[in-house]
Amino acid sequence: MPNATQKGGPQSRRASMLCQNPRFGLYLDQRRRRVHQVPVENMPDGTHAPEDCADFIRQSCGVESRAEIDHNDAARVMLDRIMADYSKWERQQRQQSVGGDV
């Protein structure tokens, strides 16, 4: 059971900053459309607000609070994976943008 007085540290701050990034919300929009085969008309870009992003992080990491990520090795590993997947998506977006300018 998580300690109610646990304080967040660097991992919690990293997750919080990620959730404030509008590009991460766009990533989640596109990811959800792909995973659940939802047409863009039903889930346009801009659907995921910062609180939706925070919900995604908490659910994916299996925690009730982002502060728990600093005290839970499995949650920290999952946050690392989320960050890696998001970074890969960003690289692909840049490559598509450069490829489209040719």
PDB file of N, CA and C in Angstrom:
ATOM      1  N   MET A   1       0.852  -1.189   0.000  1.00  0.00           N
ATOM      2  CA  MET A   1       0.000   0.000   0.000  1.00  0.00           C
ATOM      3  C   MET A   1       0.886   1.236   0.000  1.00  0.00           C
ATOM      4  N   PRO A   2       0.617   2.212  -0.883  1.00  0.00           N
ATOM      5  CA  PRO A   2       1.446   3.396  -0.948  1.00  0.00           C
ATOM      6  C   PRO A   2       1.315   4.254   0.301  1.00  0.00           C
ATOM      7  N   ASN A   3       2.408   4.876   0.668  1.00  0.00           N
ATOM      8  CA  ASN A   3       2.437   5.772   1.806  1.00  0.00           C
ATOM      9  C   ASN A   3       1.795   7.094   1.397  1.00  0.00           C
ATOM     10  N   ALA A   4       0.790   7.543   2.137  1.00  0.00           N
ATOM     11  CA  ALA A   4       0.046   8.748   1.773  1.00  0.00           C
ATOM     12  C   ALA A   4       0.915   9.996   1.828  1.00  0.00           C
ATOM     13  N   THR A   5       2.044   9.926   2.546  1.00  0.00           N
ATOM     14  CA  THR A   5       2.903  11.098   2.669  1.00  0.00           C
ATOM     15  C   THR A   5       4.091  11.057   1.713  1.00  0.00           C
ATOM     16  N   GLN A   6       4.110  10.098   0.801  1.00  0.00           N
ATOM     17  CA  GLN A   6       5.214  10.023  -0.151  1.00  0.00           C
ATOM     18  C   GLN A   6       5.288  11.304  -0.958  1.00  0.00           C
ATOM     19  N   LYS A   7       6.503  11.789  -1.097  1.00  0.00           N
ATOM     20  CA  LYS A   7       6.722  12.990  -1.899  1.00  0.00           C
ATOM     21  C   LYS A   7       7.253  12.584  -3.257  1.00  0.00           C
ATOM     22  N   GLY A   8       6.852  13.329  -4.253  1.00  0.00           N
ATOM     23  CA  GLY A   8       7.362  13.095  -5.586  1.00  0.00           C
ATOM     24  C   GLY A   8       8.783  13.623  -5.707  1.00  0.00           C
ATOM     25  N   GLY A   9       9.526  13.005  -6.589  1.00  0.00           N
ATOM     26  CA  GLY A   9      10.887  13.419  -6.855  1.00  0.00           C
ATOM     27  C   GLY A   9      11.070  13.657  -8.335  1.00  0.00           C
ATOM     28  N   PRO A  10      12.239  13.347  -8.852  1.00  0.00           N
ATOM     29  CA  PRO A  10      12.528  13.640 -10.257  1.00  0.00           C
ATOM     30  C   PRO A  10      11.626  12.904 -11.247  1.00  0.00           C
ATOM     31  N   GLN A  11      11.242  11.677 -10.938  1.00  0.00           N
ATOM     32  CA  GLN A  11      10.384  10.925 -11.859  1.00  0.00           C
ATOM     33  C   GLN A  11       8.981  11.526 -11.902  1.00  0.00           C
ATOM     34  N   SER A  12       8.487  11.924 -10.760  1.00  0.00           N
ATOM     35  CA  SER A  12       7.179  12.569 -10.692  1.00  0.00           C
ATOM     36  C   SER A  12       7.194  13.887 -11.455  1.00  0.00           C
ATOM     37  N   ARG A  13       8.252  14.649 -11.299  1.00  0.00           N
ATOM     38  CA  ARG A  13       8.362  15.918 -12.034  1.00  0.00           C
ATOM     39  C   ARG A  13       8.463  15.680 -13.530  1.00  0.00           C
ATOM     40  N   ARG A  14       9.205  14.637 -13.903  1.00  0.00           N
ATOM     41  CA  ARG A  14       9.327  14.292 -15.330  1.00  0.00           C
ATOM     42  C   ARG A  14       7.954  13.945 -15.909  1.00  0.00           C
ATOM     43  N   ALA A  15       7.179  13.155 -15.177  1.00  0.00           N
ATOM     44  CA  ALA A  15       5.832  12.784 -15.626  1.00  0.00           C
ATOM     45  C   ALA A  15       4.937  14.019 -15.704  1.00  0.00           C
ATOM     46  N   SER A  16       5.034  14.897 -14.733  1.00  0.00           N
ATOM     47  CA  SER A  16       4.222  16.106 -14.719  1.00  0.00           C
ATOM     48  C   SER A  16       4.554  17.004 -15.903  1.00  0.00           C
ATOM     49  N   MET A  17       5.830  17.184 -16.182  1.00  0.00           N
ATOM     50  CA  MET A  17       6.240  18.011 -17.321  1.00  0.00           C
ATOM     51  C   MET A  17       5.752  17.408 -18.637  1.00  0.00           C
ATOM     52  N   LEU A  18       5.826  16.091 -18.725  1.00  0.00           N
ATOM     53  CA  LEU A  18       5.351  15.409 -19.928  1.00  0.00           C
ATOM     54  C   LEU A  18       3.865  15.685 -20.140  1.00  0.00           C
ATOM     55  N   CYS A  19       3.095  15.634 -19.068  1.00  0.00           N
ATOM     56  CA  CYS A  19       1.646  15.845 -19.173  1.00  0.00           C
ATOM     57  C   CYS A  19       1.301  17.281 -19.558  1.00  0.00           C
ATOM     58  N   GLN A  20       2.173  18.221 -19.287  1.00  0.00           N
ATOM     59  CA  GLN A  20       1.932  19.627 -19.650  1.00  0.00           C
ATOM     60  C   GLN A  20       2.335  19.920 -21.091  1.00  0.00           C
ATOM     61  N   ASN A  21       3.000  18.965 -21.745  1.00  0.00           N
ATOM     62  CA  ASN A  21       3.471  19.147 -23.110  1.00  0.00           C
ATOM     63  C   ASN A  21       2.322  18.862 -24.086  1.00  0.00           C
ATOM     64  N   PRO A  22       1.879  19.872 -24.845  1.00  0.00           N
ATOM     65  CA  PRO A  22       0.776  19.635 -25.791  1.00  0.00           C
ATOM     66  C   PRO A  22       1.105  18.567 -26.833  1.00  0.00           C
ATOM     67  N   ARG A  23       2.380  18.404 -27.168  1.00  0.00           N
ATOM     68  CA  ARG A  23       2.778  17.378 -28.135  1.00  0.00           C
ATOM     69  C   ARG A  23       2.521  15.974 -27.579  1.00  0.00           C
ATOM     70  N   PHE A  24       2.666  15.796 -26.275  1.00  0.00           N
ATOM     71  CA  PHE A  24       2.372  14.496 -25.680  1.00  0.00           C
ATOM     72  C   PHE A  24       0.880  14.197 -25.792  1.00  0.00           C
ATOM     73  N   GLY A  25       0.045  15.211 -25.605  1.00  0.00           N
ATOM     74  CA  GLY A  25      -1.397  15.025 -25.797  1.00  0.00           C
ATOM     75  C   GLY A  25      -1.713  14.623 -27.227  1.00  0.00           C
ATOM     76  N   LEU A  26      -1.035  15.238 -28.188  1.00  0.00           N
ATOM     77  CA  LEU A  26      -1.218  14.882 -29.596  1.00  0.00           C
ATOM     78  C   LEU A  26      -0.780  13.438 -29.847  1.00  0.00           C
ATOM     79  N   TYR A  27       0.342  13.045 -29.235  1.00  0.00           N
ATOM     80  CA  TYR A  27       0.811  11.655 -29.329  1.00  0.00           C
ATOM     81  C   TYR A  27      -0.262  10.701 -28.806  1.00  0.00           C
ATOM     82  N   LEU A  28      -0.855  11.031 -27.660  1.00  0.00           N
ATOM     83  CA  LEU A  28      -1.899  10.159 -27.096  1.00  0.00           C
ATOM     84  C   LEU A  28      -3.132  10.120 -27.990  1.00  0.00           C
ATOM     85  N   ASP A  29      -3.478  11.255 -28.600  1.00  0.00           N
ATOM     86  CA  ASP A  29      -4.606  11.261 -29.554  1.00  0.00           C
ATOM     87  C   ASP A  29      -4.347  10.252 -30.666  1.00  0.00           C
ATOM     88  N   GLN A  30      -3.189  10.359 -31.277  1.00  0.00           N
ATOM     89  CA  GLN A  30      -2.857   9.489 -32.412  1.00  0.00           C
ATOM     90  C   GLN A  30      -2.694   8.039 -31.972  1.00  0.00           C
ATOM     91  N   ARG A  31      -2.109   7.829 -30.810  1.00  0.00           N
ATOM     92  CA  ARG A  31      -1.933   6.467 -30.287  1.00  0.00           C
ATOM     93  C   ARG A  31      -3.293   5.808 -30.039  1.00  0.00           C
ATOM     94  N   ARG A  32      -4.193   6.528 -29.391  1.00  0.00           N
ATOM     95  CA  ARG A  32      -5.513   5.957 -29.088  1.00  0.00           C
ATOM     96  C   ARG A  32      -6.280   5.656 -30.366  1.00  0.00           C
ATOM     97  N   ARG A  33      -6.202   6.558 -31.349  1.00  0.00           N
ATOM     98  CA  ARG A  33      -6.886   6.292 -32.620  1.00  0.00           C
ATOM     99  C   ARG A  33      -6.350   5.022 -33.257  1.00  0.00           C
ATOM    100  N   ARG A  34      -5.024   4.848 -33.225  1.00  0.00           N
ATOM    101  CA  ARG A  34      -4.421   3.669 -33.844  1.00  0.00           C
ATOM    102  C   ARG A  34      -4.786   2.402 -33.065  1.00  0.00           C
ATOM    103  N   VAL A  35      -4.616   2.417 -31.767  1.00  0.00           N
ATOM    104  CA  VAL A  35      -4.842   1.223 -30.941  1.00  0.00           C
ATOM    105  C   VAL A  35      -6.310   0.796 -30.973  1.00  0.00           C
ATOM    106  N   HIS A  36      -7.218   1.764 -30.908  1.00  0.00           N
ATOM    107  CA  HIS A  36      -8.644   1.442 -30.828  1.00  0.00           C
ATOM    108  C   HIS A  36      -9.368   1.610 -32.158  1.00  0.00           C
ATOM    109  N   GLN A  37      -8.611   1.883 -33.208  1.00  0.00           N
ATOM    110  CA  GLN A  37      -9.166   2.057 -34.555  1.00  0.00           C
ATOM    111  C   GLN A  37     -10.336   3.048 -34.553  1.00  0.00           C
ATOM    112  N   VAL A  38     -10.068   4.203 -33.972  1.00  0.00           N
ATOM    113  CA  VAL A  38     -11.062   5.271 -33.892  1.00  0.00           C
ATOM    114  C   VAL A  38     -10.790   6.268 -35.015  1.00  0.00           C
ATOM    115  N   PRO A  39     -11.792   6.618 -35.802  1.00  0.00           N
ATOM    116  CA  PRO A  39     -11.575   7.604 -36.864  1.00  0.00           C
ATOM    117  C   PRO A  39     -11.267   8.983 -36.280  1.00  0.00           C
ATOM    118  N   VAL A  40     -10.478   9.746 -37.021  1.00  0.00           N
ATOM    119  CA  VAL A  40     -10.084  11.087 -36.567  1.00  0.00           C
ATOM    120  C   VAL A  40     -11.305  11.968 -36.305  1.00  0.00           C
ATOM    121  N   GLU A  41     -12.402  11.730 -36.994  1.00  0.00           N
ATOM    122  CA  GLU A  41     -13.629  12.506 -36.774  1.00  0.00           C
ATOM    123  C   GLU A  41     -14.169  12.296 -35.359  1.00  0.00           C
ATOM    124  N   ASN A  42     -13.967  11.102 -34.820  1.00  0.00           N
ATOM    125  CA  ASN A  42     -14.458  10.785 -33.473  1.00  0.00           C
ATOM    126  C   ASN A  42     -13.475  11.180 -32.385  1.00  0.00           C
ATOM    127  N   MET A  43     -12.197  11.366 -32.750  1.00  0.00           N
ATOM    128  CA  MET A  43     -11.182  11.770 -31.780  1.00  0.00           C
ATOM    129  C   MET A  43     -10.178  12.678 -32.492  1.00  0.00           C
ATOM    130  N   PRO A  44     -10.534  13.934 -32.651  1.00  0.00           N
ATOM    131  CA  PRO A  44      -9.635  14.846 -33.360  1.00  0.00           C
ATOM    132  C   PRO A  44      -8.390  15.164 -32.532  1.00  0.00           C
ATOM    133  N   ASP A  45      -7.375  15.673 -33.220  1.00  0.00           N
ATOM    134  CA  ASP A  45      -6.187  16.126 -32.514  1.00  0.00           C
ATOM    135  C   ASP A  45      -6.593  17.185 -31.504  1.00  0.00           C
ATOM    136  N   GLY A  46      -5.978  17.136 -30.341  1.00  0.00           N
ATOM    137  CA  GLY A  46      -6.302  18.085 -29.281  1.00  0.00           C
ATOM    138  C   GLY A  46      -7.294  17.543 -28.276  1.00  0.00           C
ATOM    139  N   THR A  47      -7.638  16.273 -28.395  1.00  0.00           N
ATOM    140  CA  THR A  47      -8.619  15.655 -27.503  1.00  0.00           C
ATOM    141  C   THR A  47      -8.054  15.458 -26.094  1.00  0.00           C
ATOM    142  N   HIS A  48      -6.790  15.055 -25.986  1.00  0.00           N
ATOM    143  CA  HIS A  48      -6.186  14.770 -24.678  1.00  0.00           C
ATOM    144  C   HIS A  48      -5.662  16.044 -24.026  1.00  0.00           C
ATOM    145  N   ALA A  49      -6.315  16.446 -22.944  1.00  0.00           N
ATOM    146  CA  ALA A  49      -5.893  17.590 -22.140  1.00  0.00           C
ATOM    147  C   ALA A  49      -4.841  17.106 -21.132  1.00  0.00           C
ATOM    148  N   PRO A  50      -4.144  18.024 -20.453  1.00  0.00           N
ATOM    149  CA  PRO A  50      -3.133  17.608 -19.470  1.00  0.00           C
ATOM    150  C   PRO A  50      -3.648  16.621 -18.424  1.00  0.00           C
ATOM    151  N   GLU A  51      -4.873  16.788 -17.956  1.00  0.00           N
ATOM    152  CA  GLU A  51      -5.400  15.847 -16.952  1.00  0.00           C
ATOM    153  C   GLU A  51      -5.620  14.461 -17.558  1.00  0.00           C
ATOM    154  N   ASP A  52      -6.014  14.390 -18.828  1.00  0.00           N
ATOM    155  CA  ASP A  52      -6.143  13.095 -19.509  1.00  0.00           C
ATOM    156  C   ASP A  52      -4.776  12.423 -19.608  1.00  0.00           C
ATOM    157  N   CYS A  53      -3.763  13.216 -19.885  1.00  0.00           N
ATOM    158  CA  CYS A  53      -2.392  12.693 -19.973  1.00  0.00           C
ATOM    159  C   CYS A  53      -1.955  12.149 -18.615  1.00  0.00           C
ATOM    160  N   ALA A  54      -2.273  12.888 -17.546  1.00  0.00           N
ATOM    161  CA  ALA A  54      -1.934  12.431 -16.196  1.00  0.00           C
ATOM    162  C   ALA A  54      -2.658  11.129 -15.868  1.00  0.00           C
ATOM    163  N   ASP A  55      -3.927  11.031 -16.264  1.00  0.00           N
ATOM    164  CA  ASP A  55      -4.678   9.786 -16.054  1.00  0.00           C
ATOM    165  C   ASP A  55      -4.006   8.625 -16.783  1.00  0.00           C
ATOM    166  N   PHE A  56      -3.571   8.876 -18.024  1.00  0.00           N
ATOM    167  CA  PHE A  56      -2.892   7.844 -18.808  1.00  0.00           C
ATOM    168  C   PHE A  56      -1.614   7.387 -18.100  1.00  0.00           C
ATOM    169  N   ILE A  57      -0.823   8.328 -17.621  1.00  0.00           N
ATOM    170  CA  ILE A  57       0.428   7.997 -16.926  1.00  0.00           C
ATOM    171  C   ILE A  57       0.136   7.174 -15.676  1.00  0.00           C
ATOM    172  N   ARG A  58      -0.806   7.636 -14.854  1.00  0.00           N
ATOM    173  CA  ARG A  58      -1.122   6.908 -13.614  1.00  0.00           C
ATOM    174  C   ARG A  58      -1.628   5.501 -13.911  1.00  0.00           C
ATOM    175  N   GLN A  59      -2.525   5.382 -14.870  1.00  0.00           N
ATOM    176  CA  GLN A  59      -3.080   4.073 -15.200  1.00  0.00           C
ATOM    177  C   GLN A  59      -1.994   3.159 -15.763  1.00  0.00           C
ATOM    178  N   SER A  60      -1.205   3.666 -16.689  1.00  0.00           N
ATOM    179  CA  SER A  60      -0.159   2.850 -17.317  1.00  0.00           C
ATOM    180  C   SER A  60       0.893   2.401 -16.316  1.00  0.00           C
ATOM    181  N   CYS A  61       1.218   3.287 -15.375  1.00  0.00           N
ATOM    182  CA  CYS A  61       2.250   2.983 -14.378  1.00  0.00           C
ATOM    183  C   CYS A  61       1.690   2.218 -13.181  1.00  0.00           C
ATOM    184  N   GLY A  62       0.375   2.083 -13.111  1.00  0.00           N
ATOM    185  CA  GLY A  62      -0.248   1.336 -12.015  1.00  0.00           C
ATOM    186  C   GLY A  62      -0.133   2.036 -10.673  1.00  0.00           C
ATOM    187  N   VAL A  63      -0.257   3.371 -10.692  1.00  0.00           N
ATOM    188  CA  VAL A  63      -0.164   4.149  -9.455  1.00  0.00           C
ATOM    189  C   VAL A  63      -1.388   5.040  -9.328  1.00  0.00           C
ATOM    190  N   GLU A  64      -1.646   5.496  -8.119  1.00  0.00           N
ATOM    191  CA  GLU A  64      -2.748   6.416  -7.893  1.00  0.00           C
ATOM    192  C   GLU A  64      -2.292   7.864  -7.950  1.00  0.00           C
ATOM    193  N   SER A  65      -1.000   8.070  -7.755  1.00  0.00           N
ATOM    194  CA  SER A  65      -0.424   9.408  -7.767  1.00  0.00           C
ATOM    195  C   SER A  65       0.914   9.343  -8.489  1.00  0.00           C
ATOM    196  N   ARG A  66       1.229  10.378  -9.280  1.00  0.00           N
ATOM    197  CA  ARG A  66       2.519  10.388  -9.970  1.00  0.00           C
ATOM    198  C   ARG A  66       3.674  10.383  -8.978  1.00  0.00           C
ATOM    199  N   ALA A  67       3.454  10.870  -7.755  1.00  0.00           N
ATOM    200  CA  ALA A  67       4.509  10.862  -6.741  1.00  0.00           C
ATOM    201  C   ALA A  67       4.973   9.433  -6.438  1.00  0.00           C
ATOM    202  N   GLU A  68       4.096   8.467  -6.603  1.00  0.00           N
ATOM    203  CA  GLU A  68       4.450   7.065  -6.327  1.00  0.00           C
ATOM    204  C   GLU A  68       5.499   6.530  -7.298  1.00  0.00           C
ATOM    205  N   ILE A  69       5.614   7.134  -8.468  1.00  0.00           N
ATOM    206  CA  ILE A  69       6.555   6.635  -9.478  1.00  0.00           C
ATOM    207  C   ILE A  69       7.982   6.637  -8.936  1.00  0.00           C
ATOM    208  N   ASP A  70       8.304   7.613  -8.099  1.00  0.00           N
ATOM    209  CA  ASP A  70       9.655   7.697  -7.525  1.00  0.00           C
ATOM    210  C   ASP A  70       9.930   6.601  -6.503  1.00  0.00           C
ATOM    211  N   HIS A  71       8.903   5.911  -6.057  1.00  0.00           N
ATOM    212  CA  HIS A  71       9.044   4.909  -4.999  1.00  0.00           C
ATOM    213  C   HIS A  71       8.650   3.513  -5.465  1.00  0.00           C
ATOM    214  N   ASN A  72       8.456   3.348  -6.776  1.00  0.00           N
ATOM    215  CA  ASN A  72       7.967   2.084  -7.313  1.00  0.00           C
ATOM    216  C   ASN A  72       8.775   1.767  -8.571  1.00  0.00           C
ATOM    217  N   ASP A  73       9.626   0.751  -8.479  1.00  0.00           N
ATOM    218  CA  ASP A  73      10.516   0.428  -9.605  1.00  0.00           C
ATOM    219  C   ASP A  73       9.755   0.069 -10.877  1.00  0.00           C
ATOM    220  N   ALA A  74       8.672  -0.698 -10.762  1.00  0.00           N
ATOM    221  CA  ALA A  74       7.905  -1.081 -11.951  1.00  0.00           C
ATOM    222  C   ALA A  74       7.278   0.148 -12.609  1.00  0.00           C
ATOM    223  N   ALA A  75       6.785   1.074 -11.801  1.00  0.00           N
ATOM    224  CA  ALA A  75       6.193   2.298 -12.347  1.00  0.00           C
ATOM    225  C   ALA A  75       7.251   3.149 -13.037  1.00  0.00           C
ATOM    226  N   ARG A  76       8.433   3.204 -12.457  1.00  0.00           N
ATOM    227  CA  ARG A  76       9.525   3.975 -13.056  1.00  0.00           C
ATOM    228  C   ARG A  76       9.933   3.380 -14.403  1.00  0.00           C
ATOM    229  N   VAL A  77       9.983   2.060 -14.475  1.00  0.00           N
ATOM    230  CA  VAL A  77      10.305   1.383 -15.739  1.00  0.00           C
ATOM    231  C   VAL A  77       9.234   1.691 -16.789  1.00  0.00           C
ATOM    232  N   MET A  78       7.968   1.676 -16.388  1.00  0.00           N
ATOM    233  CA  MET A  78       6.890   1.973 -17.326  1.00  0.00           C
ATOM    234  C   MET A  78       6.972   3.420 -17.798  1.00  0.00           C
ATOM    235  N   LEU A  79       7.284   4.354 -16.899  1.00  0.00           N
ATOM    236  CA  LEU A  79       7.442   5.747 -17.317  1.00  0.00           C
ATOM    237  C   LEU A  79       8.576   5.861 -18.329  1.00  0.00           C
ATOM    238  N   ASP A  80       9.664   5.147 -18.099  1.00  0.00           N
ATOM    239  CA  ASP A  80      10.775   5.143 -19.064  1.00  0.00           C
ATOM    240  C   ASP A  80      10.302   4.647 -20.428  1.00  0.00           C
ATOM    241  N   ARG A  81       9.470   3.613 -20.431  1.00  0.00           N
ATOM    242  CA  ARG A  81       8.967   3.076 -21.697  1.00  0.00           C
ATOM    243  C   ARG A  81       8.044   4.086 -22.394  1.00  0.00           C
ATOM    244  N   ILE A  82       7.183   4.724 -21.620  1.00  0.00           N
ATOM    245  CA  ILE A  82       6.292   5.740 -22.188  1.00  0.00           C
ATOM    246  C   ILE A  82       7.122   6.864 -22.808  1.00  0.00           C
ATOM    247  N   MET A  83       8.143   7.297 -22.078  1.00  0.00           N
ATOM    248  CA  MET A  83       9.016   8.364 -22.587  1.00  0.00           C
ATOM    249  C   MET A  83       9.726   7.915 -23.873  1.00  0.00           C
ATOM    250  N   ALA A  84      10.201   6.677 -23.900  1.00  0.00           N
ATOM    251  CA  ALA A  84      10.891   6.160 -25.089  1.00  0.00           C
ATOM    252  C   ALA A  84       9.934   6.075 -26.277  1.00  0.00           C
ATOM    253  N   ASP A  85       8.718   5.583 -26.043  1.00  0.00           N
ATOM    254  CA  ASP A  85       7.726   5.492 -27.126  1.00  0.00           C
ATOM    255  C   ASP A  85       7.367   6.879 -27.647  1.00  0.00           C
ATOM    256  N   TYR A  86       7.208   7.826 -26.739  1.00  0.00           N
ATOM    257  CA  TYR A  86       6.900   9.194 -27.146  1.00  0.00           C
ATOM    258  C   TYR A  86       8.070   9.794 -27.935  1.00  0.00           C
ATOM    259  N   SER A  87       9.285   9.583 -27.486  1.00  0.00           N
ATOM    260  CA  SER A  87      10.465  10.100 -28.199  1.00  0.00           C
ATOM    261  C   SER A  87      10.565   9.502 -29.597  1.00  0.00           C
ATOM    262  N   LYS A  88      10.273   8.218 -29.713  1.00  0.00           N
ATOM    263  CA  LYS A  88      10.282   7.564 -31.026  1.00  0.00           C
ATOM    264  C   LYS A  88       9.232   8.201 -31.936  1.00  0.00           C
ATOM    265  N   TRP A  89       8.046   8.454 -31.406  1.00  0.00           N
ATOM    266  CA  TRP A  89       6.983   9.098 -32.175  1.00  0.00           C
ATOM    267  C   TRP A  89       7.430  10.476 -32.645  1.00  0.00           C
ATOM    268  N   GLU A  90       8.072  11.243 -31.754  1.00  0.00           N
ATOM    269  CA  GLU A  90       8.557  12.584 -32.122  1.00  0.00           C
ATOM    270  C   GLU A  90       9.584  12.496 -33.264  1.00  0.00           C
ATOM    271  N   ARG A  91      10.490  11.541 -33.188  1.00  0.00           N
ATOM    272  CA  ARG A  91      11.484  11.366 -34.260  1.00  0.00           C
ATOM    273  C   ARG A  91      10.790  11.046 -35.582  1.00  0.00           C
ATOM    274  N   GLN A  92       9.786  10.182 -35.528  1.00  0.00           N
ATOM    275  CA  GLN A  92       9.047   9.833 -36.749  1.00  0.00           C
ATOM    276  C   GLN A  92       8.317  11.049 -37.305  1.00  0.00           C
ATOM    277  N   GLN A  93       7.771  11.887 -36.432  1.00  0.00           N
ATOM    278  CA  GLN A  93       7.077  13.099 -36.868  1.00  0.00           C
ATOM    279  C   GLN A  93       8.053  14.038 -37.591  1.00  0.00           C
ATOM    280  N   ARG A  94       9.244  14.186 -37.035  1.00  0.00           N
ATOM    281  CA  ARG A  94      10.249  15.053 -37.664  1.00  0.00           C
ATOM    282  C   ARG A  94      10.680  14.488 -39.017  1.00  0.00           C
ATOM    283  N   GLN A  95      10.868  13.174 -39.076  1.00  0.00           N
ATOM    284  CA  GLN A  95      11.272  12.545 -40.346  1.00  0.00           C
ATOM    285  C   GLN A  95      10.189  12.724 -41.400  1.00  0.00           C
ATOM    286  N   GLN A  96       8.938  12.572 -41.023  1.00  0.00           N
ATOM    287  CA  GLN A  96       7.832  12.758 -41.972  1.00  0.00           C
ATOM    288  C   GLN A  96       7.764  14.208 -42.434  1.00  0.00           C
ATOM    289  N   SER A  97       8.027  15.119 -41.520  1.00  0.00           N
ATOM    290  CA  SER A  97       8.006  16.538 -41.859  1.00  0.00           C
ATOM    291  C   SER A  97       9.119  16.880 -42.846  1.00  0.00           C
ATOM    292  N   VAL A  98      10.306  16.355 -42.611  1.00  0.00           N
ATOM    293  CA  VAL A  98      11.434  16.596 -43.512  1.00  0.00           C
ATOM    294  C   VAL A  98      11.184  15.918 -44.846  1.00  0.00           C
ATOM    295  N   GLY A  99      10.677  14.694 -44.813  1.00  0.00           N
ATOM    296  CA  GLY A  99      10.384  13.955 -46.038  1.00  0.00           C
ATOM    297  C   GLY A  99       9.313  14.627 -46.871  1.00  0.00           C
ATOM    298  N   GLY A 100       8.384  15.307 -46.218  1.00  0.00           N
ATOM    299  CA  GLY A 100       7.309  15.981 -46.941  1.00  0.00           C
ATOM    300  C   GLY A 100       7.752  17.270 -47.605  1.00  0.00           C
ATOM    301  N   ASP A 101       8.895  17.800 -47.163  1.00  0.00           N
ATOM    302  CA  ASP A 101       9.394  19.062 -47.732  1.00  0.00           C
ATOM    303  C   ASP A 101      10.227  18.851 -48.982  1.00  0.00           C
ATOM    304  N   VAL A 102      10.524  17.611 -49.350  1.00  0.00           N
ATOM    305  CA  VAL A 102      11.398  17.348 -50.496  1.00  0.00           C
ATOM    306  C   VAL A 102      10.668  17.575 -51.784  1.00  0.00           C
TER     307      VAL A 102
END
